[in-house]
C-alpha atoms as a PDB file:
ATOM      1  CA  MET A   1       3.466  -1.564 -43.420  1.00  0.00           C
ATOM      2  CA  SER A   2       4.059   1.987 -44.582  1.00  0.00           C
ATOM      3  CA  LYS A   3       7.145   3.860 -43.479  1.00  0.00           C
ATOM      4  CA  ARG A   4       4.944   6.537 -41.885  1.00  0.00           C
ATOM      5  CA  LYS A   5       2.989   3.994 -39.799  1.00  0.00           C
ATOM      6  CA  TYR A   6       6.238   2.332 -38.710  1.00  0.00           C
ATOM      7  CA  GLN A   7       7.650   5.715 -37.614  1.00  0.00           C
ATOM      8  CA  MET A   8       4.446   6.500 -35.699  1.00  0.00           C
ATOM      9  CA  THR A   9       4.582   3.116 -33.961  1.00  0.00           C
ATOM     10  CA  ARG A  10       8.210   3.660 -32.976  1.00  0.00           C
ATOM     11  CA  ARG A  11       7.401   7.144 -31.713  1.00  0.00           C
ATOM     12  CA  ALA A  12       4.460   5.850 -29.655  1.00  0.00           C
ATOM     13  CA  GLN A  13       6.657   3.121 -28.214  1.00  0.00           C
ATOM     14  CA  ALA A  14       9.367   5.646 -27.315  1.00  0.00           C
ATOM     15  CA  GLN A  15       6.761   7.862 -25.648  1.00  0.00           C
ATOM     16  CA  GLU A  16       5.447   4.938 -23.584  1.00  0.00           C
ATOM     17  CA  GLU A  17       9.010   4.056 -22.540  1.00  0.00           C
ATOM     18  CA  THR A  18       9.651   7.659 -21.486  1.00  0.00           C
ATOM     19  CA  LYS A  19       6.385   7.780 -19.563  1.00  0.00           C
ATOM     20  CA  GLY A  20       7.287   4.479 -17.861  1.00  0.00           C
ATOM     21  CA  ARG A  21      10.715   5.794 -16.840  1.00  0.00           C
ATOM     22  CA  ILE A  22       9.071   8.851 -15.306  1.00  0.00           C
ATOM     23  CA  VAL A  23       6.607   6.728 -13.320  1.00  0.00           C
ATOM     24  CA  ASP A  24       9.439   4.478 -12.124  1.00  0.00           C
ATOM     25  CA  ALA A  25      11.350   7.600 -11.057  1.00  0.00           C
ATOM     26  CA  ILE A  26       8.337   8.854  -9.092  1.00  0.00           C
ATOM     27  CA  ILE A  27       8.009   5.484  -7.343  1.00  0.00           C
ATOM     28  CA  ALA A  28      11.719   5.390  -6.480  1.00  0.00           C
ATOM     29  CA  LEU A  29      11.632   8.918  -5.083  1.00  0.00           C
ATOM     30  CA  HIS A  30       8.441   8.346  -3.113  1.00  0.00           C
ATOM     31  CA  GLU A  31      10.023   5.292  -1.477  1.00  0.00           C
ATOM     32  CA  ARG A  32      13.337   7.062  -0.853  1.00  0.00           C
ATOM     33  CA  VAL A  33      12.383  10.602   0.199  1.00  0.00           C
ATOM     34  CA  GLY A  34       8.573  10.553   0.281  1.00  0.00           C
ATOM     35  CA  PRO A  35       5.906  12.288  -1.798  1.00  0.00           C
ATOM     36  CA  LYS A  36       6.323  15.615   0.035  1.00  0.00           C
ATOM     37  CA  ALA A  37      10.019  15.921  -0.874  1.00  0.00           C
ATOM     38  CA  THR A  38       9.617  14.650  -4.451  1.00  0.00           C
ATOM     39  CA  THR A  39      10.064  17.547  -6.878  1.00  0.00           C
ATOM     40  CA  VAL A  40       9.645  17.703 -10.645  1.00  0.00           C
ATOM     41  CA  THR A  41      13.358  18.476 -10.922  1.00  0.00           C
ATOM     42  CA  ALA A  42      14.228  15.346  -8.942  1.00  0.00           C
ATOM     43  CA  ILE A  43      11.824  13.248 -11.048  1.00  0.00           C
ATOM     44  CA  ALA A  44      13.385  14.572 -14.266  1.00  0.00           C
ATOM     45  CA  GLU A  45      16.909  13.824 -13.029  1.00  0.00           C
ATOM     46  CA  GLU A  46      15.957  10.339 -11.847  1.00  0.00           C
ATOM     47  CA  ALA A  47      14.221   9.540 -15.167  1.00  0.00           C
ATOM     48  CA  GLY A  48      16.900  11.159 -17.341  1.00  0.00           C
ATOM     49  CA  VAL A  49      14.482  13.593 -18.990  1.00  0.00           C
ATOM     50  CA  GLN A  50      13.784  17.339 -19.029  1.00  0.00           C
ATOM     51  CA  ARG A  51      11.385  18.933 -16.543  1.00  0.00           C
ATOM     52  CA  LEU A  52       9.051  19.869 -19.397  1.00  0.00           C
ATOM     53  CA  THR A  53       8.834  16.193 -20.356  1.00  0.00           C
ATOM     54  CA  VAL A  54       7.624  15.342 -16.855  1.00  0.00           C
ATOM     55  CA  TYR A  55       4.965  18.061 -17.107  1.00  0.00           C
ATOM     56  CA  LYS A  56       3.945  16.827 -20.566  1.00  0.00           C
ATOM     57  CA  TYR A  57       2.910  13.441 -19.183  1.00  0.00           C
ATOM     58  CA  PHE A  58       2.039  14.434 -15.623  1.00  0.00           C
ATOM     59  CA  PRO A  59       0.995  18.092 -15.388  1.00  0.00           C
ATOM     60  CA  ASP A  60       0.496  18.167 -11.624  1.00  0.00           C
ATOM     61  CA  GLU A  61       1.157  16.334  -8.372  1.00  0.00           C
ATOM     62  CA  GLU A  62      -2.201  14.571  -8.496  1.00  0.00           C
ATOM     63  CA  ALA A  63      -1.470  13.065 -11.935  1.00  0.00           C
ATOM     64  CA  GLN A  64       1.988  11.994 -10.759  1.00  0.00           C
ATOM     65  CA  LEU A  65       0.564  10.367  -7.648  1.00  0.00           C
ATOM     66  CA  LYS A  66      -2.186   8.595  -9.573  1.00  0.00           C
ATOM     67  CA  ALA A  67       0.316   7.077 -12.019  1.00  0.00           C
ATOM     68  CA  CYS A  68       2.672   6.123  -9.199  1.00  0.00           C
ATOM     69  CA  THR A  69      -0.104   4.481  -7.168  1.00  0.00           C
ATOM     70  CA  SER A  70      -1.412   2.525 -10.142  1.00  0.00           C
ATOM     71  CA  ARG A  71       1.970   1.111 -11.168  1.00  0.00           C
ATOM     72  CA  TRP A  72       3.132   0.458  -7.609  1.00  0.00           C
ATOM     73  CA  THR A  73      -0.116  -1.351  -6.743  1.00  0.00           C
ATOM     74  CA  ASP A  74       0.241  -3.525  -9.857  1.00  0.00           C
ATOM     75  CA  GLN A  75       3.802  -4.375  -8.811  1.00  0.00           C
ATOM     76  CA  ASN A  76       2.802  -4.982  -5.179  1.00  0.00           C
ATOM     77  CA  PRO A  77      -0.643  -6.633  -5.129  1.00  0.00           C
ATOM     78  CA  ARG A  78      -2.534  -6.662  -1.865  1.00  0.00           C
ATOM     79  CA  PRO A  79      -3.144  -9.969  -0.088  1.00  0.00           C
ATOM     80  CA  SER A  80      -6.100 -11.912  -1.413  1.00  0.00           C
ATOM     81  CA  ALA A  81      -9.129 -12.825   0.701  1.00  0.00           C
ATOM     82  CA  GLU A  82      -8.648 -16.404  -0.497  1.00  0.00           C
ATOM     83  CA  GLU A  83      -5.760 -16.588   1.963  1.00  0.00           C
ATOM     84  CA  TRP A  84      -8.093 -16.340   4.988  1.00  0.00           C
ATOM     85  CA  MET A  85     -11.676 -16.979   3.902  1.00  0.00           C
ATOM     86  CA  GLY A  86     -11.258 -20.764   4.167  1.00  0.00           C
ATOM     87  CA  TYR A  87     -11.090 -20.521   7.969  1.00  0.00           C
ATOM     88  CA  ASP A  88     -14.368 -20.689   9.881  1.00  0.00           C
ATOM     89  CA  ASP A  89     -13.306 -19.534  13.336  1.00  0.00           C
ATOM     90  CA  LEU A  90     -12.253 -16.070  14.468  1.00  0.00           C
ATOM     91  CA  ILE A  91      -8.742 -16.876  15.669  1.00  0.00           C
ATOM     92  CA  SER A  92      -7.706 -18.960  12.637  1.00  0.00           C
ATOM     93  CA  ARG A  93      -9.147 -16.468  10.155  1.00  0.00           C
ATOM     94  CA  CYS A  94      -7.615 -13.529  11.999  1.00  0.00           C
ATOM     95  CA  GLU A  95      -4.216 -15.245  12.158  1.00  0.00           C
ATOM     96  CA  ALA A  96      -4.287 -16.067   8.436  1.00  0.00           C
ATOM     97  CA  ALA A  97      -5.329 -12.519   7.486  1.00  0.00           C
ATOM     98  CA  LEU A  98      -2.776 -10.832   9.731  1.00  0.00           C
ATOM     99  CA  SER A  99      -0.040 -13.197   8.607  1.00  0.00           C
ATOM    100  CA  SER A 100      -0.716 -12.319   4.959  1.00  0.00           C
ATOM    101  CA  LEU A 101      -1.084  -8.605   5.621  1.00  0.00           C
ATOM    102  CA  TYR A 102       2.001  -8.380   7.827  1.00  0.00           C
ATOM    103  CA  ALA A 103       4.106 -10.196   5.214  1.00  0.00           C
ATOM    104  CA  TYR A 104       2.839  -7.664   2.661  1.00  0.00           C
ATOM    105  CA  TYR A 105       3.761  -4.775   4.957  1.00  0.00           C
ATOM    106  CA  GLY A 106       7.201  -6.280   5.437  1.00  0.00           C
ATOM    107  CA  ARG A 107       7.762  -6.316   1.655  1.00  0.00           C
ATOM    108  CA  THR A 108       6.369  -2.836   1.051  1.00  0.00           C
ATOM    109  CA  ALA A 109       7.249  -0.947   4.238  1.00  0.00           C
ATOM    110  CA  PRO A 110       9.403   1.816   2.677  1.00  0.00           C
ATOM    111  CA  MET A 111       6.508   3.155   0.606  1.00  0.00           C
ATOM    112  CA  TRP A 112       3.998   2.908   3.464  1.00  0.00           C
ATOM    113  CA  HIS A 113       6.333   4.668   5.920  1.00  0.00           C
ATOM    114  CA  GLN A 114       6.733   7.615   3.544  1.00  0.00           C
ATOM    115  CA  THR A 115       3.056   7.707   2.596  1.00  0.00           C
ATOM    116  CA  TYR A 116       1.753   7.755   6.159  1.00  0.00           C
ATOM    117  CA  ARG A 117       4.377  10.293   7.196  1.00  0.00           C
ATOM    118  CA  ASP A 118       3.429  12.689   4.361  1.00  0.00           C
ATOM    119  CA  LYS A 119      -0.326  12.106   4.181  1.00  0.00           C
ATOM    120  CA  ASP A 120      -1.290  15.310   5.999  1.00  0.00           C
ATOM    121  CA  ASP A 121       1.047  17.471   3.882  1.00  0.00           C
ATOM    122  CA  VAL A 122       0.193  16.089   0.423  1.00  0.00           C
ATOM    123  CA  PRO A 123      -3.570  16.391  -0.177  1.00  0.00           C
ATOM    124  CA  PRO A 124      -3.736  13.980  -3.170  1.00  0.00           C
ATOM    125  CA  LEU A 125      -2.460  11.195  -0.883  1.00  0.00           C
ATOM    126  CA  ALA A 126      -5.892  11.108   0.750  1.00  0.00           C
ATOM    127  CA  ASN A 127      -7.382   9.616  -2.430  1.00  0.00           C
ATOM    128  CA  ALA A 128      -4.590   7.065  -2.711  1.00  0.00           C
ATOM    129  CA  LEU A 129      -5.028   5.997   0.913  1.00  0.00           C
ATOM    130  CA  GLU A 130      -8.820   5.894   0.675  1.00  0.00           C
ATOM    131  CA  GLY A 131      -8.721   2.796  -1.520  1.00  0.00           C
ATOM    132  CA  PHE A 132      -6.321   1.025   0.833  1.00  0.00           C
ATOM    133  CA  GLU A 133      -8.339   1.966   3.911  1.00  0.00           C
ATOM    134  CA  GLY A 134     -11.403   0.500   2.175  1.00  0.00           C
ATOM    135  CA  PHE A 135      -9.464  -2.717   1.584  1.00  0.00           C
ATOM    136  CA  LEU A 136      -8.551  -2.897   5.293  1.00  0.00           C
ATOM    137  CA  ALA A 137     -12.198  -2.314   6.239  1.00  0.00           C
ATOM    138  CA  ASP A 138     -13.166  -5.268   4.029  1.00  0.00           C
ATOM    139  CA  VAL A 139     -10.525  -7.471   5.686  1.00  0.00           C
ATOM    140  CA  SER A 140     -11.900  -6.464   9.087  1.00  0.00           C
ATOM    141  CA  LYS A 141     -15.426  -7.452   7.984  1.00  0.00           C
ATOM    142  CA  ASP A 142     -14.105 -10.789   6.703  1.00  0.00           C
ATOM    143  CA  ILE A 143     -12.490 -11.521  10.067  1.00  0.00           C
ATOM    144  CA  LEU A 144     -15.447 -10.429  12.180  1.00  0.00           C
ATOM    145  CA  ALA A 145     -17.920 -12.377  10.033  1.00  0.00           C
ATOM    146  CA  VAL A 146     -16.979 -15.584  11.885  1.00  0.00           C
ATOM    147  CA  ALA A 147     -16.883 -14.110  15.413  1.00  0.00           C
ATOM    148  CA  GLU A 148     -19.492 -15.449  17.847  1.00  0.00           C
ATOM    149  CA  HIS A 149     -20.005 -12.008  19.387  1.00  0.00           C
ATOM    150  CA  VAL A 150     -18.864  -8.802  17.682  1.00  0.00           C
ATOM    151  CA  THR A 151     -18.342  -6.240  20.419  1.00  0.00           C
ATOM    152  CA  PRO A 152     -17.184  -2.656  19.835  1.00  0.00           C
ATOM    153  CA  GLU A 153     -13.941  -3.611  21.596  1.00  0.00           C
ATOM    154  CA  LEU A 154     -13.335  -6.466  19.166  1.00  0.00           C
ATOM    155  CA  GLN A 155     -14.107  -4.235  16.175  1.00  0.00           C
ATOM    156  CA  VAL A 156     -11.640  -1.593  17.346  1.00  0.00           C
ATOM    157  CA  THR A 157      -8.980  -4.192  18.124  1.00  0.00           C
ATOM    158  CA  VAL A 158      -9.158  -5.871  14.731  1.00  0.00           C
ATOM    159  CA  ALA A 159      -9.166  -2.541  12.870  1.00  0.00           C
ATOM    160  CA  HIS A 160      -6.174  -1.358  14.904  1.00  0.00           C
ATOM    161  CA  LEU A 161      -4.195  -4.546  14.281  1.00  0.00           C
ATOM    162  CA  LEU A 162      -4.750  -4.293  10.519  1.00  0.00           C
ATOM    163  CA  ALA A 163      -3.368  -0.746  10.277  1.00  0.00           C
ATOM    164  CA  PHE A 164       0.128  -0.163   8.925  1.00  0.00           C
ATOM    165  CA  PRO A 165       1.185   2.125  11.810  1.00  0.00           C
ATOM    166  CA  THR A 166       0.355  -0.703  14.245  1.00  0.00           C
ATOM    167  CA  TRP A 167       2.471  -3.138  12.222  1.00  0.00           C
ATOM    168  CA  ALA A 168       5.327  -0.610  12.076  1.00  0.00           C
ATOM    169  CA  SER A 169       5.275  -0.130  15.843  1.00  0.00           C
ATOM    170  CA  LEU A 170       5.113  -3.863  16.562  1.00  0.00           C
ATOM    171  CA  ASN A 171       7.821  -4.561  13.993  1.00  0.00           C
ATOM    172  CA  GLN A 172      10.202  -2.347  15.940  1.00  0.00           C
ATOM    173  CA  ALA A 173       9.248  -3.835  19.315  1.00  0.00           C
ATOM    174  CA  CYS A 174       9.202  -7.558  18.457  1.00  0.00           C
ATOM    175  CA  ASN A 175      12.178  -9.806  17.782  1.00  0.00           C
ATOM    176  CA  SER A 176      10.525 -11.734  14.940  1.00  0.00           C
ATOM    177  CA  ASP A 177       7.429 -11.937  12.765  1.00  0.00           C
ATOM    178  CA  GLU A 178       6.395 -15.038  14.703  1.00  0.00           C
ATOM    179  CA  GLN A 179       6.593 -13.189  18.021  1.00  0.00           C
ATOM    180  CA  MET A 180       4.583 -10.299  16.590  1.00  0.00           C
ATOM    181  CA  LEU A 181       1.860 -12.572  15.250  1.00  0.00           C
ATOM    182  CA  ALA A 182       1.670 -14.574  18.497  1.00  0.00           C
ATOM    183  CA  LEU A 183       1.302 -11.345  20.478  1.00  0.00           C
ATOM    184  CA  VAL A 184      -1.524  -9.915  18.354  1.00  0.00           C
ATOM    185  CA  ILE A 185      -3.412 -13.215  18.273  1.00  0.00           C
ATOM    186  CA  GLN A 186      -3.154 -13.396  22.064  1.00  0.00           C
ATOM    187  CA  TRP A 187      -4.606  -9.879  22.141  1.00  0.00           C
ATOM    188  CA  VAL A 188      -7.524 -10.805  19.833  1.00  0.00           C
ATOM    189  CA  ARG A 189      -8.233 -13.969  21.841  1.00  0.00           C
ATOM    190  CA  ALA A 190      -8.356 -12.001  25.105  1.00  0.00           C
ATOM    191  CA  VAL A 191     -10.643  -9.303  23.686  1.00  0.00           C
ATOM    192  CA  ALA A 192     -12.943 -11.913  22.107  1.00  0.00           C
ATOM    193  CA  LYS A 193     -13.295 -13.564  25.520  1.00  0.00           C
ATOM    194  CA  GLY A 194     -14.038 -10.222  27.157  1.00  0.00           C
ATOM    195  CA  GLN A 195     -10.697 -10.065  28.928  1.00  0.00           C
ATOM    196  CA  GLY A 196      -9.082  -7.302  26.805  1.00  0.00           C
END
């Protein structure tokens, strides 16, 4: 290998490491203070680089958010449909899906709290949330696919129970994950029977 090629490889590796540190800094700040309060100066300080270096890799808020979302999603994969698709009745499938999703929310709550709080003030967040909202819509379809009767009330209930703000509210009100899950399943059962 030529000396020049070796130097280029080392430089490329150093650039990737710098870029990675910046993305990690963005993630840390988004979880700690939220996207709205995350500044280029704060990112540079957190990553140990100059402000111009941040701009070199991520010239605007949208590029920063896109990189943050991509890395964070890789580090925190969404629940898989395999976790609930094996159940053929509404209550069992709903319980399996909500159990998986609520465990995911429990692990990732700091980022979701900040994201939902700042979503109206940071326009690029709409694109980031669009993909997740689509995922939740797919989970809702999976659950309702085994319902005997899909009423508008049942559709609204399932969609509401899948949403992060619902989980956050229930998480504060309930004493345990088990209590929370029992409560929401009781709610789904009542609505499915026309009693909700």
